[in-house]
All heavy atoms as atom14 arrays in JSON, in Angstrom:
{
  "sequence": "SKGMGIVGFAENLLVMYACGGFLGGMHSYMHALARCAV",
  "atom14_mask": [
    [1, 1, 1, 1, 1, 1, 0, 0, 0, 0, 0, 0, 0, 0],
    [1, 1, 1, 1, 1, 1, 1, 1, 1, 0, 0, 0, 0, 0],
    [1, 1, 1, 1, 0, 0, 0, 0, 0, 0, 0, 0, 0, 0],
    [1, 1, 1, 1, 1, 1, 1, 1, 0, 0, 0, 0, 0, 0],
    [1, 1, 1, 1, 0, 0, 0, 0, 0, 0, 0, 0, 0, 0],
    [1, 1, 1, 1, 1, 1, 1, 1, 0, 0, 0, 0, 0, 0],
    [1, 1, 1, 1, 1, 1, 1, 0, 0, 0, 0, 0, 0, 0],
    [1, 1, 1, 1, 0, 0, 0, 0, 0, 0, 0, 0, 0, 0],
    [1, 1, 1, 1, 1, 1, 1, 1, 1, 1, 1, 0, 0, 0],
    [1, 1, 1, 1, 1, 0, 0, 0, 0, 0, 0, 0, 0, 0],
    [1, 1, 1, 1, 1, 1, 1, 1, 1, 0, 0, 0, 0, 0],
    [1, 1, 1, 1, 1, 1, 1, 1, 0, 0, 0, 0, 0, 0],
    [1, 1, 1, 1, 1, 1, 1, 1, 0, 0, 0, 0, 0, 0],
    [1, 1, 1, 1, 1, 1, 1, 1, 0, 0, 0, 0, 0, 0],
    [1, 1, 1, 1, 1, 1, 1, 0, 0, 0, 0, 0, 0, 0],
    [1, 1, 1, 1, 1, 1, 1, 1, 0, 0, 0, 0, 0, 0],
    [1, 1, 1, 1, 1, 1, 1, 1, 1, 1, 1, 1, 0, 0],
    [1, 1, 1, 1, 1, 0, 0, 0, 0, 0, 0, 0, 0, 0],
    [1, 1, 1, 1, 1, 1, 0, 0, 0, 0, 0, 0, 0, 0],
    [1, 1, 1, 1, 0, 0, 0, 0, 0, 0, 0, 0, 0, 0],
    [1, 1, 1, 1, 0, 0, 0, 0, 0, 0, 0, 0, 0, 0],
    [1, 1, 1, 1, 1, 1, 1, 1, 1, 1, 1, 0, 0, 0],
    [1, 1, 1, 1, 1, 1, 1, 1, 0, 0, 0, 0, 0, 0],
    [1, 1, 1, 1, 0, 0, 0, 0, 0, 0, 0, 0, 0, 0],
    [1, 1, 1, 1, 0, 0, 0, 0, 0, 0, 0, 0, 0, 0],
    [1, 1, 1, 1, 1, 1, 1, 1, 0, 0, 0, 0, 0, 0],
    [1, 1, 1, 1, 1, 1, 1, 1, 1, 1, 0, 0, 0, 0],
    [1, 1, 1, 1, 1, 1, 0, 0, 0, 0, 0, 0, 0, 0],
    [1, 1, 1, 1, 1, 1, 1, 1, 1, 1, 1, 1, 0, 0],
    [1, 1, 1, 1, 1, 1, 1, 1, 0, 0, 0, 0, 0, 0],
    [1, 1, 1, 1, 1, 1, 1, 1, 1, 1, 0, 0, 0, 0],
    [1, 1, 1, 1, 1, 0, 0, 0, 0, 0, 0, 0, 0, 0],
    [1, 1, 1, 1, 1, 1, 1, 1, 0, 0, 0, 0, 0, 0],
    [1, 1, 1, 1, 1, 0, 0, 0, 0, 0, 0, 0, 0, 0],
    [1, 1, 1, 1, 1, 1, 1, 1, 1, 1, 1, 0, 0, 0],
    [1, 1, 1, 1, 1, 1, 0, 0, 0, 0, 0, 0, 0, 0],
    [1, 1, 1, 1, 1, 0, 0, 0, 0, 0, 0, 0, 0, 0],
    [1, 1, 1, 1, 1, 1, 1, 0, 0, 0, 0, 0, 0, 0]
  ],
  "atom14_positions": [
    [[0.67, 8.56, -0.14], [-0.6, 8.48, -0.86], [-1.78, 8.46, 0.1], [-1.81, 7.68, 1.06], [-0.64, 7.22, -1.73], [0.32, 7.29, -2.76], [0.0, 0.0, 0.0], [0.0, 0.0, 0.0], [0.0, 0.0, 0.0], [0.0, 0.0, 0.0], [0.0, 0.0, 0.0], [0.0, 0.0, 0.0], [0.0, 0.0, 0.0], [0.0, 0.0, 0.0]],
    [[-2.76, 9.31, -0.16], [-3.95, 9.37, 0.66], [-4.77, 8.08, 0.5], [-4.85, 7.52, -0.59], [-4.81, 10.58, 0.28], [-4.12, 11.92, 0.46], [-3.82, 12.21, 1.94], [-3.21, 13.59, 2.12], [-2.92, 13.9, 3.55], [0.0, 0.0, 0.0], [0.0, 0.0, 0.0], [0.0, 0.0, 0.0], [0.0, 0.0, 0.0], [0.0, 0.0, 0.0]],
    [[-5.38, 7.67, 1.57], [-6.2, 6.47, 1.55], [-5.44, 5.18, 1.8], [-6.05, 4.11, 1.9], [0.0, 0.0, 0.0], [0.0, 0.0, 0.0], [0.0, 0.0, 0.0], [0.0, 0.0, 0.0], [0.0, 0.0, 0.0], [0.0, 0.0, 0.0], [0.0, 0.0, 0.0], [0.0, 0.0, 0.0], [0.0, 0.0, 0.0], [0.0, 0.0, 0.0]],
    [[-4.11, 5.26, 1.94], [-3.29, 4.06, 2.15], [-2.82, 3.93, 3.6], [-2.08, 3.02, 3.93], [-2.06, 4.1, 1.23], [-2.39, 4.08, -0.25], [-3.36, 2.63, -0.72], [-2.19, 1.32, -0.38], [0.0, 0.0, 0.0], [0.0, 0.0, 0.0], [0.0, 0.0, 0.0], [0.0, 0.0, 0.0], [0.0, 0.0, 0.0], [0.0, 0.0, 0.0]],
    [[-3.28, 4.85, 4.47], [-2.74, 4.9, 5.82], [-2.99, 3.65, 6.65], [-2.08, 3.13, 7.3], [0.0, 0.0, 0.0], [0.0, 0.0, 0.0], [0.0, 0.0, 0.0], [0.0, 0.0, 0.0], [0.0, 0.0, 0.0], [0.0, 0.0, 0.0], [0.0, 0.0, 0.0], [0.0, 0.0, 0.0], [0.0, 0.0, 0.0], [0.0, 0.0, 0.0]],
    [[-4.22, 3.15, 6.63], [-4.54, 1.99, 7.46], [-3.8, 0.76, 6.98], [-3.24, -0.01, 7.77], [-6.06, 1.75, 7.49], [-6.76, 2.9, 8.21], [-6.4, 0.42, 8.16], [-8.27, 2.79, 8.26], [0.0, 0.0, 0.0], [0.0, 0.0, 0.0], [0.0, 0.0, 0.0], [0.0, 0.0, 0.0], [0.0, 0.0, 0.0], [0.0, 0.0, 0.0]],
    [[-3.76, 0.56, 5.65], [-3.04, -0.59, 5.11], [-1.55, -0.49, 5.42], [-0.92, -1.47, 5.82], [-3.25, -0.7, 3.58], [-2.41, -1.83, 3.0], [-4.72, -0.92, 3.27], [0.0, 0.0, 0.0], [0.0, 0.0, 0.0], [0.0, 0.0, 0.0], [0.0, 0.0, 0.0], [0.0, 0.0, 0.0], [0.0, 0.0, 0.0], [0.0, 0.0, 0.0]],
    [[-0.98, 0.7, 5.25], [0.44, 0.88, 5.53], [0.78, 0.68, 6.99], [1.81, 0.09, 7.33], [0.0, 0.0, 0.0], [0.0, 0.0, 0.0], [0.0, 0.0, 0.0], [0.0, 0.0, 0.0], [0.0, 0.0, 0.0], [0.0, 0.0, 0.0], [0.0, 0.0, 0.0], [0.0, 0.0, 0.0], [0.0, 0.0, 0.0], [0.0, 0.0, 0.0]],
    [[-0.08, 1.17, 7.88], [0.16, 0.96, 9.3], [0.04, -0.53, 9.64], [0.81, -1.06, 10.45], [-0.83, 1.77, 10.15], [-0.63, 1.58, 11.63], [0.38, 2.26, 12.29], [-1.42, 0.71, 12.35], [0.59, 2.08, 13.65], [-1.22, 0.52, 13.7], [-0.22, 1.21, 14.36], [0.0, 0.0, 0.0], [0.0, 0.0, 0.0], [0.0, 0.0, 0.0]],
    [[-0.93, -1.2, 9.02], [-1.09, -2.64, 9.25], [0.15, -3.41, 8.82], [0.49, -4.44, 9.43], [-2.32, -3.16, 8.51], [0.0, 0.0, 0.0], [0.0, 0.0, 0.0], [0.0, 0.0, 0.0], [0.0, 0.0, 0.0], [0.0, 0.0, 0.0], [0.0, 0.0, 0.0], [0.0, 0.0, 0.0], [0.0, 0.0, 0.0], [0.0, 0.0, 0.0]],
    [[0.85, -2.94, 7.78], [2.09, -3.6, 7.35], [3.11, -3.61, 8.48], [3.87, -4.57, 8.64], [2.68, -2.88, 6.13], [1.93, -3.09, 4.84], [2.18, -4.44, 4.22], [2.96, -5.24, 4.8], [1.61, -4.71, 3.16], [0.0, 0.0, 0.0], [0.0, 0.0, 0.0], [0.0, 0.0, 0.0], [0.0, 0.0, 0.0], [0.0, 0.0, 0.0]],
    [[3.13, -2.55, 9.29], [4.07, -2.5, 10.41], [3.76, -3.57, 11.44], [4.66, -4.25, 11.95], [4.01, -1.11, 11.06], [4.72, -0.05, 10.26], [5.88, 0.25, 10.51], [4.05, 0.52, 9.28], [0.0, 0.0, 0.0], [0.0, 0.0, 0.0], [0.0, 0.0, 0.0], [0.0, 0.0, 0.0], [0.0, 0.0, 0.0], [0.0, 0.0, 0.0]],
    [[2.49, -3.75, 11.75], [2.11, -4.81, 12.68], [2.36, -6.17, 12.07], [2.74, -7.12, 12.75], [0.63, -4.67, 13.06], [0.24, -3.45, 13.9], [-1.26, -3.45, 14.17], [1.0, -3.42, 15.21], [0.0, 0.0, 0.0], [0.0, 0.0, 0.0], [0.0, 0.0, 0.0], [0.0, 0.0, 0.0], [0.0, 0.0, 0.0], [0.0, 0.0, 0.0]],
    [[2.16, -6.27, 10.74], [2.31, -7.55, 10.05], [3.74, -8.07, 10.16], [3.97, -9.25, 10.45], [1.92, -7.39, 8.59], [1.86, -8.66, 7.73], [0.73, -9.56, 8.2], [1.68, -8.3, 6.26], [0.0, 0.0, 0.0], [0.0, 0.0, 0.0], [0.0, 0.0, 0.0], [0.0, 0.0, 0.0], [0.0, 0.0, 0.0], [0.0, 0.0, 0.0]],
    [[4.74, -7.21, 9.91], [6.13, -7.67, 9.94], [6.58, -8.01, 11.36], [7.47, -8.84, 11.55], [7.09, -6.64, 9.32], [6.78, -6.43, 7.85], [7.06, -5.31, 10.06], [0.0, 0.0, 0.0], [0.0, 0.0, 0.0], [0.0, 0.0, 0.0], [0.0, 0.0, 0.0], [0.0, 0.0, 0.0], [0.0, 0.0, 0.0], [0.0, 0.0, 0.0]],
    [[5.96, -7.37, 12.34], [6.35, -7.66, 13.72], [5.57, -8.83, 14.31], [5.99, -9.41, 15.31], [6.15, -6.42, 14.6], [7.21, -5.36, 14.4], [7.13, -4.05, 15.65], [5.7, -3.15, 15.1], [0.0, 0.0, 0.0], [0.0, 0.0, 0.0], [0.0, 0.0, 0.0], [0.0, 0.0, 0.0], [0.0, 0.0, 0.0], [0.0, 0.0, 0.0]],
    [[4.44, -9.19, 13.71], [3.6, -10.24, 14.27], [4.34, -11.58, 14.3], [4.35, -12.27, 15.31], [2.29, -10.37, 13.49], [1.29, -11.25, 14.18], [0.41, -10.72, 15.11], [1.22, -12.62, 13.93], [-0.5, -11.52, 15.78], [0.32, -13.43, 14.59], [-0.54, -12.87, 15.51], [-1.43, -13.68, 16.18], [0.0, 0.0, 0.0], [0.0, 0.0, 0.0]],
    [[4.94, -11.96, 13.18], [5.71, -13.21, 13.14], [7.14, -12.97, 13.61], [7.69, -13.74, 14.38], [5.72, -13.79, 11.73], [0.0, 0.0, 0.0], [0.0, 0.0, 0.0], [0.0, 0.0, 0.0], [0.0, 0.0, 0.0], [0.0, 0.0, 0.0], [0.0, 0.0, 0.0], [0.0, 0.0, 0.0], [0.0, 0.0, 0.0], [0.0, 0.0, 0.0]],
    [[7.74, -11.88, 13.1], [9.09, -11.46, 13.49], [10.07, -12.63, 13.44], [10.71, -12.98, 14.43], [9.08, -10.84, 14.88], [10.53, -9.82, 15.21], [0.0, 0.0, 0.0], [0.0, 0.0, 0.0], [0.0, 0.0, 0.0], [0.0, 0.0, 0.0], [0.0, 0.0, 0.0], [0.0, 0.0, 0.0], [0.0, 0.0, 0.0], [0.0, 0.0, 0.0]],
    [[10.18, -13.24, 12.27], [11.11, -14.35, 12.13], [11.15, -14.89, 10.72], [10.48, -14.39, 9.82], [0.0, 0.0, 0.0], [0.0, 0.0, 0.0], [0.0, 0.0, 0.0], [0.0, 0.0, 0.0], [0.0, 0.0, 0.0], [0.0, 0.0, 0.0], [0.0, 0.0, 0.0], [0.0, 0.0, 0.0], [0.0, 0.0, 0.0], [0.0, 0.0, 0.0]],
    [[11.94, -15.91, 10.54], [12.07, -16.59, 9.25], [11.91, -18.09, 9.44], [11.48, -18.56, 10.49], [0.0, 0.0, 0.0], [0.0, 0.0, 0.0], [0.0, 0.0, 0.0], [0.0, 0.0, 0.0], [0.0, 0.0, 0.0], [0.0, 0.0, 0.0], [0.0, 0.0, 0.0], [0.0, 0.0, 0.0], [0.0, 0.0, 0.0], [0.0, 0.0, 0.0]],
    [[12.28, -18.83, 8.41], [12.13, -20.28, 8.43], [13.47, -20.97, 8.6], [14.45, -20.59, 7.95], [11.45, -20.76, 7.15], [10.1, -20.15, 6.91], [9.89, -19.3, 5.84], [9.06, -20.4, 7.78], [8.65, -18.72, 5.64], [7.82, -19.83, 7.59], [7.61, -18.98, 6.51], [0.0, 0.0, 0.0], [0.0, 0.0, 0.0], [0.0, 0.0, 0.0]],
    [[13.52, -21.97, 9.44], [14.73, -22.76, 9.61], [15.03, -23.47, 8.29], [14.22, -24.24, 7.79], [14.52, -23.79, 10.73], [15.74, -24.64, 11.09], [16.85, -23.76, 11.66], [15.35, -25.7, 12.13], [0.0, 0.0, 0.0], [0.0, 0.0, 0.0], [0.0, 0.0, 0.0], [0.0, 0.0, 0.0], [0.0, 0.0, 0.0], [0.0, 0.0, 0.0]],
    [[16.21, -23.17, 7.73], [16.53, -23.72, 6.41], [16.18, -22.79, 5.28], [16.39, -23.13, 4.11], [0.0, 0.0, 0.0], [0.0, 0.0, 0.0], [0.0, 0.0, 0.0], [0.0, 0.0, 0.0], [0.0, 0.0, 0.0], [0.0, 0.0, 0.0], [0.0, 0.0, 0.0], [0.0, 0.0, 0.0], [0.0, 0.0, 0.0], [0.0, 0.0, 0.0]],
    [[15.62, -21.61, 5.6], [15.32, -20.64, 4.55], [13.96, -20.86, 3.92], [13.21, -21.78, 4.27], [0.0, 0.0, 0.0], [0.0, 0.0, 0.0], [0.0, 0.0, 0.0], [0.0, 0.0, 0.0], [0.0, 0.0, 0.0], [0.0, 0.0, 0.0], [0.0, 0.0, 0.0], [0.0, 0.0, 0.0], [0.0, 0.0, 0.0], [0.0, 0.0, 0.0]],
    [[13.64, -20.0, 2.95], [12.35, -20.06, 2.29], [12.12, -21.37, 1.55], [11.0, -21.79, 1.34], [12.21, -18.89, 1.32], [11.97, -17.56, 2.0], [10.35, -17.42, 2.78], [9.3, -17.25, 1.34], [0.0, 0.0, 0.0], [0.0, 0.0, 0.0], [0.0, 0.0, 0.0], [0.0, 0.0, 0.0], [0.0, 0.0, 0.0], [0.0, 0.0, 0.0]],
    [[13.22, -22.0, 1.13], [13.04, -23.24, 0.38], [12.44, -24.34, 1.27], [11.71, -25.19, 0.78], [14.39, -23.72, -0.2], [14.23, -24.59, -1.41], [13.82, -24.08, -2.62], [14.39, -25.92, -1.59], [13.75, -25.07, -3.49], [14.08, -26.19, -2.9], [0.0, 0.0, 0.0], [0.0, 0.0, 0.0], [0.0, 0.0, 0.0], [0.0, 0.0, 0.0]],
    [[12.72, -24.3, 2.58], [12.11, -25.27, 3.47], [10.6, -25.05, 3.55], [9.83, -26.0, 3.74], [12.74, -25.18, 4.86], [12.45, -23.94, 5.47], [0.0, 0.0, 0.0], [0.0, 0.0, 0.0], [0.0, 0.0, 0.0], [0.0, 0.0, 0.0], [0.0, 0.0, 0.0], [0.0, 0.0, 0.0], [0.0, 0.0, 0.0], [0.0, 0.0, 0.0]],
    [[10.17, -23.79, 3.4], [8.74, -23.49, 3.35], [8.11, -24.12, 2.12], [7.03, -24.71, 2.18], [8.56, -21.97, 3.36], [7.18, -21.48, 3.04], [6.1, -21.81, 3.85], [6.94, -20.67, 1.94], [4.82, -21.36, 3.57], [5.68, -20.21, 1.65], [4.62, -20.55, 2.46], [3.36, -20.1, 2.17], [0.0, 0.0, 0.0], [0.0, 0.0, 0.0]],
    [[8.82, -24.02, 0.97], [8.3, -24.62, -0.26], [8.2, -26.14, -0.14], [7.24, -26.76, -0.6], [9.19, -24.25, -1.44], [9.28, -22.76, -1.69], [7.66, -22.01, -1.96], [8.14, -20.32, -2.2], [0.0, 0.0, 0.0], [0.0, 0.0, 0.0], [0.0, 0.0, 0.0], [0.0, 0.0, 0.0], [0.0, 0.0, 0.0], [0.0, 0.0, 0.0]],
    [[9.21, -26.74, 0.48], [9.17, -28.19, 0.65], [8.0, -28.61, 1.53], [7.35, -29.63, 1.29], [10.49, -28.69, 1.24], [11.56, -28.88, 0.21], [11.79, -30.09, -0.41], [12.46, -28.02, -0.32], [12.78, -29.97, -1.27], [13.22, -28.72, -1.24], [0.0, 0.0, 0.0], [0.0, 0.0, 0.0], [0.0, 0.0, 0.0], [0.0, 0.0, 0.0]],
    [[7.73, -27.83, 2.59], [6.6, -28.15, 3.46], [5.29, -28.05, 2.7], [4.39, -28.89, 2.87], [6.6, -27.22, 4.67], [0.0, 0.0, 0.0], [0.0, 0.0, 0.0], [0.0, 0.0, 0.0], [0.0, 0.0, 0.0], [0.0, 0.0, 0.0], [0.0, 0.0, 0.0], [0.0, 0.0, 0.0], [0.0, 0.0, 0.0], [0.0, 0.0, 0.0]],
    [[5.13, -27.01, 1.87], [3.93, -26.89, 1.04], [3.79, -28.08, 0.1], [2.69, -28.64, -0.07], [3.98, -25.6, 0.23], [3.58, -24.3, 0.9], [3.8, -23.12, -0.05], [2.13, -24.35, 1.36], [0.0, 0.0, 0.0], [0.0, 0.0, 0.0], [0.0, 0.0, 0.0], [0.0, 0.0, 0.0], [0.0, 0.0, 0.0], [0.0, 0.0, 0.0]],
    [[4.9, -28.48, -0.53], [4.86, -29.62, -1.45], [4.48, -30.91, -0.71], [3.66, -31.7, -1.19], [6.21, -29.78, -2.14], [0.0, 0.0, 0.0], [0.0, 0.0, 0.0], [0.0, 0.0, 0.0], [0.0, 0.0, 0.0], [0.0, 0.0, 0.0], [0.0, 0.0, 0.0], [0.0, 0.0, 0.0], [0.0, 0.0, 0.0], [0.0, 0.0, 0.0]],
    [[5.08, -31.13, 0.46], [4.74, -32.33, 1.24], [3.26, -32.34, 1.64], [2.6, -33.37, 1.63], [5.62, -32.41, 2.48], [7.1, -32.65, 2.2], [7.85, -32.91, 3.5], [9.29, -32.84, 3.31], [10.05, -31.81, 3.67], [9.49, -30.78, 4.29], [11.34, -31.82, 3.46], [0.0, 0.0, 0.0], [0.0, 0.0, 0.0], [0.0, 0.0, 0.0]],
    [[2.77, -31.16, 2.03], [1.37, -31.05, 2.41], [0.46, -31.39, 1.24], [-0.51, -32.14, 1.39], [1.09, -29.63, 2.91], [-0.63, -29.33, 3.38], [0.0, 0.0, 0.0], [0.0, 0.0, 0.0], [0.0, 0.0, 0.0], [0.0, 0.0, 0.0], [0.0, 0.0, 0.0], [0.0, 0.0, 0.0], [0.0, 0.0, 0.0], [0.0, 0.0, 0.0]],
    [[0.77, -30.83, 0.06], [-0.05, -31.1, -1.12], [-0.05, -32.59, -1.47], [-1.11, -33.19, -1.72], [0.46, -30.28, -2.3], [0.0, 0.0, 0.0], [0.0, 0.0, 0.0], [0.0, 0.0, 0.0], [0.0, 0.0, 0.0], [0.0, 0.0, 0.0], [0.0, 0.0, 0.0], [0.0, 0.0, 0.0], [0.0, 0.0, 0.0], [0.0, 0.0, 0.0]],
    [[1.12, -33.2, -1.47], [1.23, -34.62, -1.81], [0.52, -35.48, -0.77], [-0.15, -36.47, -1.1], [2.71, -35.03, -1.95], [2.86, -36.54, -2.08], [3.34, -34.33, -3.16], [0.0, 0.0, 0.0], [0.0, 0.0, 0.0], [0.0, 0.0, 0.0], [0.0, 0.0, 0.0], [0.0, 0.0, 0.0], [0.0, 0.0, 0.0], [0.0, 0.0, 0.0]]
  ]
}
């Protein structure tokens, strides 16, 4: 699709910028958010 080039290229940098996951999986991310809110 025309006009999507910059966003699509940025997606490539985005996935490589962190290049990792969370210890304990995504649910540990949710628990951290919940603890932060509380």
